[in-house]
Amino acid sequence: MAAKREKRGLGRGLSALMADIEPSAEPAGETAPVSRRADLQIPVEKIHPNPDQPRRSFTEGALAELAASIREKGVIQPLILRPDPEKAEMYQIVAGERRWRAAQLAQLHEVPAIVRDFDDTEVLEVAIIENIQRADLNPIEEAAGYRQLMDRFGHTQEKLAEAMGKSRSHVANLLRLLNLPEEIQGFVRDGQLSAGHARALVTADDPLALARKVIAKALSVRDVEKLAKAPVSQGSSRVHAAPAKDADTRALEGDLSAAVGMKVSIEHDEADGSGKISIKYKDLSQLDDIVRMLNRG
């Protein structure tokens, strides 16, 4: 019987995982030299993207620029691949999907590649780290990658922050963005809103309306922070508006929302110190997640 593969915790052996990934100083043009040699030349039709790749958007202009460089100089930095776990003689991209797409635009039939036997956790980890190193992920994509590592593999914010060389607050702040409506997340992906704008919108009563106002009037992050904290106007339909929550309560709501991946609301009575915590779930699957978290606790 084959020996069971030892489970590798996040952050252990990162240097070994990343030894094959040398970020180019000029990724758009692929002009920087690399220290690694390709193991193989792999036909492009035998390669397909990793479905869990955190990066989802590839701009046509950047791909065309890279394809022009590849036509002239070839693919300088090899792709990192693994044997496809489900299809024989096929390969899955661990790192380098942009190069693979650009190589096809340049009409290359083969690309240089390093093939490694990564498991699912390592594939996702390397894909996230490589993109973060290259500053290729927008804030929503980066947050989604962190969320994948937490939901699928049980890693904590602390472990993620340590392994990625980020602060815990950086990870927590990004995860909060995933609590925003999908339309606002789209604004961030498209570059219409910055991560700072989006963080300020998390605590707003009507984040989508405020997001549209920010874009229309080109408001600053400080402007958004002030508007998000502003009390409801007198013309509002609310007859008995709840008192505004203090900054600490809002920050705690954000931390808890990021930790559980759902909207958390805290109602605290200053008079006697009592209160309640509400968790809003969108389907039965999320309710099951809450039950599992409480049972695990």
Protein backbone atom coordinates (compact mmCIF):
# COMPACT_ATOMS: atom_id res chain seq x y z
CA MET A 1 0.00 0.00 0.00
CA ALA A 2 1.32 3.41 -0.90
CA ALA A 3 2.22 5.65 2.00
CA LYS A 4 -0.36 8.33 2.69
CA ARG A 5 0.86 11.73 1.64
CA GLU A 6 1.57 13.97 4.61
CA LYS A 7 -0.77 16.94 4.78
CA ARG A 8 1.12 20.18 4.40
CA GLY A 9 -0.06 23.16 6.40
CA LEU A 10 -0.26 26.55 4.76
CA GLY A 11 3.01 28.39 5.04
CA ARG A 12 5.19 25.29 5.45
CA GLY A 13 7.62 24.85 2.60
CA LEU A 14 6.55 28.03 0.85
CA SER A 15 10.09 28.67 -0.34
CA ALA A 16 10.14 25.22 -1.94
CA LEU A 17 6.76 25.80 -3.56
CA MET A 18 7.81 29.15 -4.93
CA ALA A 19 11.32 28.19 -6.02
CA ASP A 20 10.07 27.67 -9.58
CA ILE A 21 8.27 31.01 -9.71
CA GLU A 22 10.59 33.95 -10.35
CA PRO A 23 8.46 37.06 -10.96
CA SER A 24 9.60 39.03 -13.95
CA ALA A 25 10.67 42.60 -13.32
CA GLU A 26 8.71 43.53 -16.44
CA PRO A 27 5.81 41.08 -16.58
CA ALA A 28 4.01 42.83 -19.42
CA GLY A 29 6.90 42.36 -21.79
CA GLU A 30 8.48 39.23 -20.31
CA THR A 31 11.91 40.76 -20.79
CA ALA A 32 13.58 39.92 -17.48
CA PRO A 33 15.84 36.85 -17.33
CA VAL A 34 14.84 33.88 -15.20
CA SER A 35 16.95 31.31 -13.40
CA ARG A 36 14.79 28.26 -14.06
CA ARG A 37 14.90 26.05 -17.14
CA ALA A 38 11.76 24.49 -18.55
CA ASP A 39 11.35 20.75 -18.04
CA LEU A 40 9.36 20.28 -21.23
CA GLN A 41 7.83 21.90 -24.28
CA ILE A 42 4.09 21.24 -23.95
CA PRO A 43 1.56 21.62 -26.82
CA VAL A 44 -0.85 24.44 -25.98
CA GLU A 45 -3.86 22.23 -26.71
CA LYS A 46 -2.81 19.85 -23.90
CA ILE A 47 -2.99 22.67 -21.35
CA HIS A 48 -6.08 24.13 -19.73
CA PRO A 49 -6.65 26.67 -16.93
CA ASN A 50 -7.12 25.78 -13.29
CA PRO A 51 -10.86 26.24 -12.49
CA ASP A 52 -9.91 27.60 -9.04
CA GLN A 53 -7.54 30.22 -10.42
CA PRO A 54 -8.23 33.40 -8.39
CA ARG A 55 -7.62 35.66 -11.36
CA ARG A 56 -10.66 35.96 -13.61
CA SER A 57 -10.06 39.00 -15.80
CA PHE A 58 -7.47 39.40 -18.56
CA THR A 59 -7.47 42.70 -20.41
CA GLU A 60 -7.23 42.42 -24.19
CA GLY A 61 -4.70 45.22 -24.46
CA ALA A 62 -2.28 43.65 -21.98
CA LEU A 63 -2.62 40.23 -23.66
CA ALA A 64 -1.98 41.75 -27.08
CA GLU A 65 1.13 43.51 -25.76
CA LEU A 66 2.45 40.30 -24.24
CA ALA A 67 1.64 38.34 -27.42
CA ALA A 68 3.69 40.84 -29.46
CA SER A 69 6.65 40.34 -27.11
CA ILE A 70 6.27 36.55 -27.33
CA ARG A 71 6.28 36.65 -31.15
CA GLU A 72 9.61 38.46 -30.99
CA LYS A 73 11.36 36.72 -28.08
CA GLY A 74 9.30 33.65 -27.22
CA VAL A 75 7.98 32.71 -23.79
CA ILE A 76 10.93 33.56 -21.55
CA GLN A 77 9.45 32.43 -18.24
CA PRO A 78 8.12 28.85 -18.23
CA LEU A 79 4.59 28.06 -17.15
CA ILE A 80 4.13 26.03 -13.96
CA LEU A 81 1.89 23.02 -14.66
CA ARG A 82 0.72 19.86 -12.95
CA PRO A 83 -0.60 16.67 -14.53
CA ASP A 84 -4.37 16.95 -14.82
CA PRO A 85 -5.85 14.91 -11.94
CA GLU A 86 -8.77 13.74 -14.13
CA LYS A 87 -7.51 13.66 -17.75
CA ALA A 88 -4.57 11.53 -18.84
CA GLU A 89 -1.80 13.23 -20.82
CA MET A 90 -3.30 16.66 -20.09
CA TYR A 91 -1.94 19.44 -17.88
CA GLN A 92 -3.49 22.04 -15.61
CA ILE A 93 -2.03 25.52 -15.18
CA VAL A 94 -0.69 26.32 -11.73
CA ALA A 95 0.89 29.65 -12.70
CA GLY A 96 1.15 31.41 -16.05
CA GLU A 97 -2.36 31.45 -17.54
CA ARG A 98 -1.74 34.92 -19.01
CA ARG A 99 1.38 33.64 -20.81
CA TRP A 100 -0.56 30.63 -22.12
CA ARG A 101 -3.34 32.86 -23.49
CA ALA A 102 -0.85 35.28 -25.05
CA ALA A 103 1.13 32.40 -26.59
CA GLN A 104 -2.01 31.28 -28.39
CA LEU A 105 -2.55 34.81 -29.70
CA ALA A 106 1.04 34.69 -30.94
CA GLN A 107 0.17 31.37 -32.66
CA LEU A 108 2.73 29.31 -30.78
CA HIS A 109 2.10 25.56 -30.86
CA GLU A 110 4.17 24.73 -27.76
CA VAL A 111 5.15 26.56 -24.57
CA PRO A 112 8.00 25.90 -22.12
CA ALA A 113 6.80 24.45 -18.84
CA ILE A 114 7.91 23.17 -15.46
CA VAL A 115 5.74 20.24 -14.34
CA ARG A 116 5.26 19.62 -10.63
CA ASP A 117 3.05 17.18 -8.71
CA PHE A 118 1.16 19.78 -6.65
CA ASP A 119 -1.97 18.89 -4.69
CA ASP A 120 -5.11 21.07 -4.75
CA THR A 121 -4.04 23.17 -1.77
CA GLU A 122 -0.60 23.85 -3.22
CA VAL A 123 -2.06 24.74 -6.64
CA LEU A 124 -4.36 27.36 -5.18
CA GLU A 125 -1.68 28.68 -2.84
CA VAL A 126 0.90 29.08 -5.60
CA ALA A 127 -1.64 30.68 -7.95
CA ILE A 128 -2.59 33.28 -5.34
CA ILE A 129 0.97 34.05 -4.29
CA GLU A 130 2.25 34.33 -7.85
CA ASN A 131 -0.48 36.78 -8.78
CA ILE A 132 -0.04 38.82 -5.61
CA GLN A 133 3.72 39.01 -6.19
CA ARG A 134 3.05 40.35 -9.67
CA ALA A 135 0.34 42.74 -8.41
CA ASP A 136 -1.95 41.17 -11.01
CA LEU A 137 -5.02 40.63 -8.83
CA ASN A 138 -7.59 43.30 -8.22
CA PRO A 139 -8.74 43.58 -4.55
CA ILE A 140 -11.87 41.45 -5.11
CA GLU A 141 -9.89 38.66 -6.79
CA GLU A 142 -7.30 38.72 -4.00
CA ALA A 143 -10.05 38.57 -1.37
CA ALA A 144 -11.77 35.70 -3.21
CA GLY A 145 -8.48 33.79 -3.23
CA TYR A 146 -8.09 34.24 0.52
CA ARG A 147 -11.69 33.19 1.05
CA GLN A 148 -11.10 30.02 -0.99
CA LEU A 149 -8.14 29.07 1.18
CA MET A 150 -10.19 29.66 4.33
CA ASP A 151 -13.39 27.92 3.22
CA ARG A 152 -11.89 24.96 1.39
CA PHE A 153 -8.85 24.25 3.51
CA GLY A 154 -9.71 25.65 6.93
CA HIS A 155 -6.93 28.24 7.17
CA THR A 156 -7.30 31.19 9.51
CA GLN A 157 -6.70 34.85 8.79
CA GLU A 158 -3.60 34.71 10.97
CA LYS A 159 -2.10 31.79 9.02
CA LEU A 160 -2.89 33.44 5.71
CA ALA A 161 -1.34 36.73 6.76
CA GLU A 162 1.84 35.01 7.95
CA ALA A 163 2.20 32.83 4.85
CA MET A 164 1.51 35.66 2.40
CA GLY A 165 3.73 38.18 4.16
CA LYS A 166 0.73 40.46 4.80
CA SER A 167 -0.69 41.99 7.95
CA ARG A 168 -3.78 40.40 9.47
CA SER A 169 -5.62 43.71 9.05
CA HIS A 170 -4.83 43.66 5.30
CA VAL A 171 -6.39 40.21 4.95
CA ALA A 172 -9.39 41.12 7.14
CA ASN A 173 -10.04 44.37 5.27
CA LEU A 174 -9.99 42.60 1.91
CA LEU A 175 -12.34 39.86 3.11
CA ARG A 176 -14.84 42.52 4.18
CA LEU A 177 -15.19 43.56 0.55
CA LEU A 178 -16.85 40.22 -0.23
CA ASN A 179 -19.80 41.27 1.96
CA LEU A 180 -20.61 44.10 -0.46
CA PRO A 181 -23.30 43.67 -3.15
CA GLU A 182 -22.08 42.00 -6.33
CA GLU A 183 -22.58 45.19 -8.34
CA ILE A 184 -20.18 47.08 -6.06
CA GLN A 185 -17.66 44.26 -6.32
CA GLY A 186 -17.94 44.67 -10.09
CA PHE A 187 -17.11 48.38 -9.73
CA VAL A 188 -13.94 47.41 -7.84
CA ARG A 189 -12.98 44.78 -10.43
CA ASP A 190 -13.43 47.34 -13.21
CA GLY A 191 -11.36 49.94 -11.40
CA GLN A 192 -14.27 52.37 -10.96
CA LEU A 193 -13.86 52.12 -7.18
CA SER A 194 -10.67 51.64 -5.19
CA ALA A 195 -10.29 49.19 -2.32
CA GLY A 196 -10.35 52.20 0.03
CA HIS A 197 -13.69 53.35 -1.35
CA ALA A 198 -15.10 49.84 -1.05
CA ARG A 199 -13.94 49.43 2.57
CA ALA A 200 -15.69 52.65 3.50
CA LEU A 201 -18.89 51.42 1.82
CA VAL A 202 -19.05 48.28 3.98
CA THR A 203 -20.57 50.22 6.90
CA ALA A 204 -23.00 52.31 4.82
CA ASP A 205 -26.76 51.84 5.24
CA ASP A 206 -27.25 51.77 1.46
CA PRO A 207 -23.83 50.92 0.02
CA LEU A 208 -25.00 50.52 -3.58
CA ALA A 209 -26.65 53.95 -3.76
CA LEU A 210 -23.58 55.53 -2.17
CA ALA A 211 -21.25 53.65 -4.56
CA ARG A 212 -23.10 55.04 -7.56
CA LYS A 213 -22.87 58.52 -6.06
CA VAL A 214 -19.12 58.09 -5.51
CA ILE A 215 -18.59 57.17 -9.16
CA ALA A 216 -20.85 59.91 -10.53
CA LYS A 217 -19.23 62.65 -8.45
CA ALA A 218 -15.68 61.22 -8.25
CA LEU A 219 -15.73 61.43 -4.45
CA SER A 220 -12.62 60.77 -2.37
CA VAL A 221 -12.28 57.95 0.16
CA ARG A 222 -12.53 60.50 2.99
CA ASP A 223 -15.78 61.80 1.49
CA VAL A 224 -17.19 58.27 1.43
CA GLU A 225 -16.17 57.65 5.04
CA LYS A 226 -18.04 60.78 6.14
CA LEU A 227 -21.15 59.93 4.12
CA ALA A 228 -21.18 56.31 5.36
CA LYS A 229 -21.27 57.55 8.96
CA ALA A 230 -23.85 60.28 8.35
CA PRO A 231 -27.23 59.81 10.10
CA VAL A 232 -30.38 59.16 8.09
CA SER A 233 -31.89 62.38 6.70
CA GLN A 234 -35.12 63.75 8.15
CA GLY A 235 -36.90 63.03 4.89
CA SER A 236 -36.27 59.34 5.30
CA SER A 237 -39.25 57.02 5.67
CA ARG A 238 -37.78 55.69 8.91
CA VAL A 239 -39.83 57.03 11.80
CA HIS A 240 -37.71 55.59 14.59
CA ALA A 241 -34.16 55.46 13.28
CA ALA A 242 -31.76 53.36 15.34
CA PRO A 243 -28.96 55.29 17.05
CA ALA A 244 -25.73 55.42 15.06
CA LYS A 245 -23.25 52.71 16.00
CA ASP A 246 -19.85 53.74 17.21
CA ALA A 247 -16.70 53.05 15.19
CA ASP A 248 -15.63 50.14 17.42
CA THR A 249 -18.96 48.35 16.96
CA ARG A 250 -18.83 48.82 13.17
CA ALA A 251 -15.23 47.55 13.08
CA LEU A 252 -16.20 44.50 15.14
CA GLU A 253 -19.12 43.83 12.79
CA GLY A 254 -16.68 43.98 9.88
CA ASP A 255 -14.24 41.57 11.56
CA LEU A 256 -16.99 39.07 12.39
CA SER A 257 -18.49 39.35 8.90
CA ALA A 258 -15.08 38.64 7.37
CA ALA A 259 -14.51 35.70 9.72
CA VAL A 260 -17.80 33.92 8.99
CA GLY A 261 -18.28 35.11 5.40
CA MET A 262 -21.78 36.46 6.09
CA LYS A 263 -23.31 39.76 7.17
CA VAL A 264 -23.07 40.16 10.96
CA SER A 265 -24.97 42.86 12.86
CA ILE A 266 -24.42 43.84 16.51
CA GLU A 267 -27.11 45.60 18.55
CA HIS A 268 -25.63 46.81 21.85
CA ASP A 269 -27.51 48.50 24.70
CA GLU A 270 -25.18 50.96 26.44
CA ALA A 271 -27.56 51.24 29.39
CA ASP A 272 -27.24 47.72 30.75
CA GLY A 273 -24.47 46.26 28.55
CA SER A 274 -26.73 43.67 26.94
CA GLY A 275 -27.24 43.11 23.23
CA LYS A 276 -27.60 40.64 20.40
CA ILE A 277 -25.64 39.44 17.40
CA SER A 278 -27.47 38.65 14.15
CA ILE A 279 -26.01 36.64 11.27
CA LYS A 280 -27.76 36.95 7.91
CA TYR A 281 -27.51 33.86 5.70
CA LYS A 282 -28.68 33.70 2.09
CA ASP A 283 -29.40 29.97 1.77
CA LEU A 284 -29.53 26.67 3.66
CA SER A 285 -25.91 25.95 2.79
CA GLN A 286 -24.80 29.02 4.71
CA LEU A 287 -27.08 28.04 7.60
CA ASP A 288 -25.33 24.66 7.68
CA ASP A 289 -22.00 26.49 7.80
CA ILE A 290 -23.18 28.45 10.87
CA VAL A 291 -24.28 25.25 12.60
CA ARG A 292 -20.92 23.59 11.88
CA MET A 293 -19.01 26.62 13.23
CA LEU A 294 -21.07 26.65 16.43
CA ASN A 295 -20.69 22.91 16.92
CA ARG A 296 -16.96 23.15 16.33
CA GLY A 297 -16.78 25.88 18.96
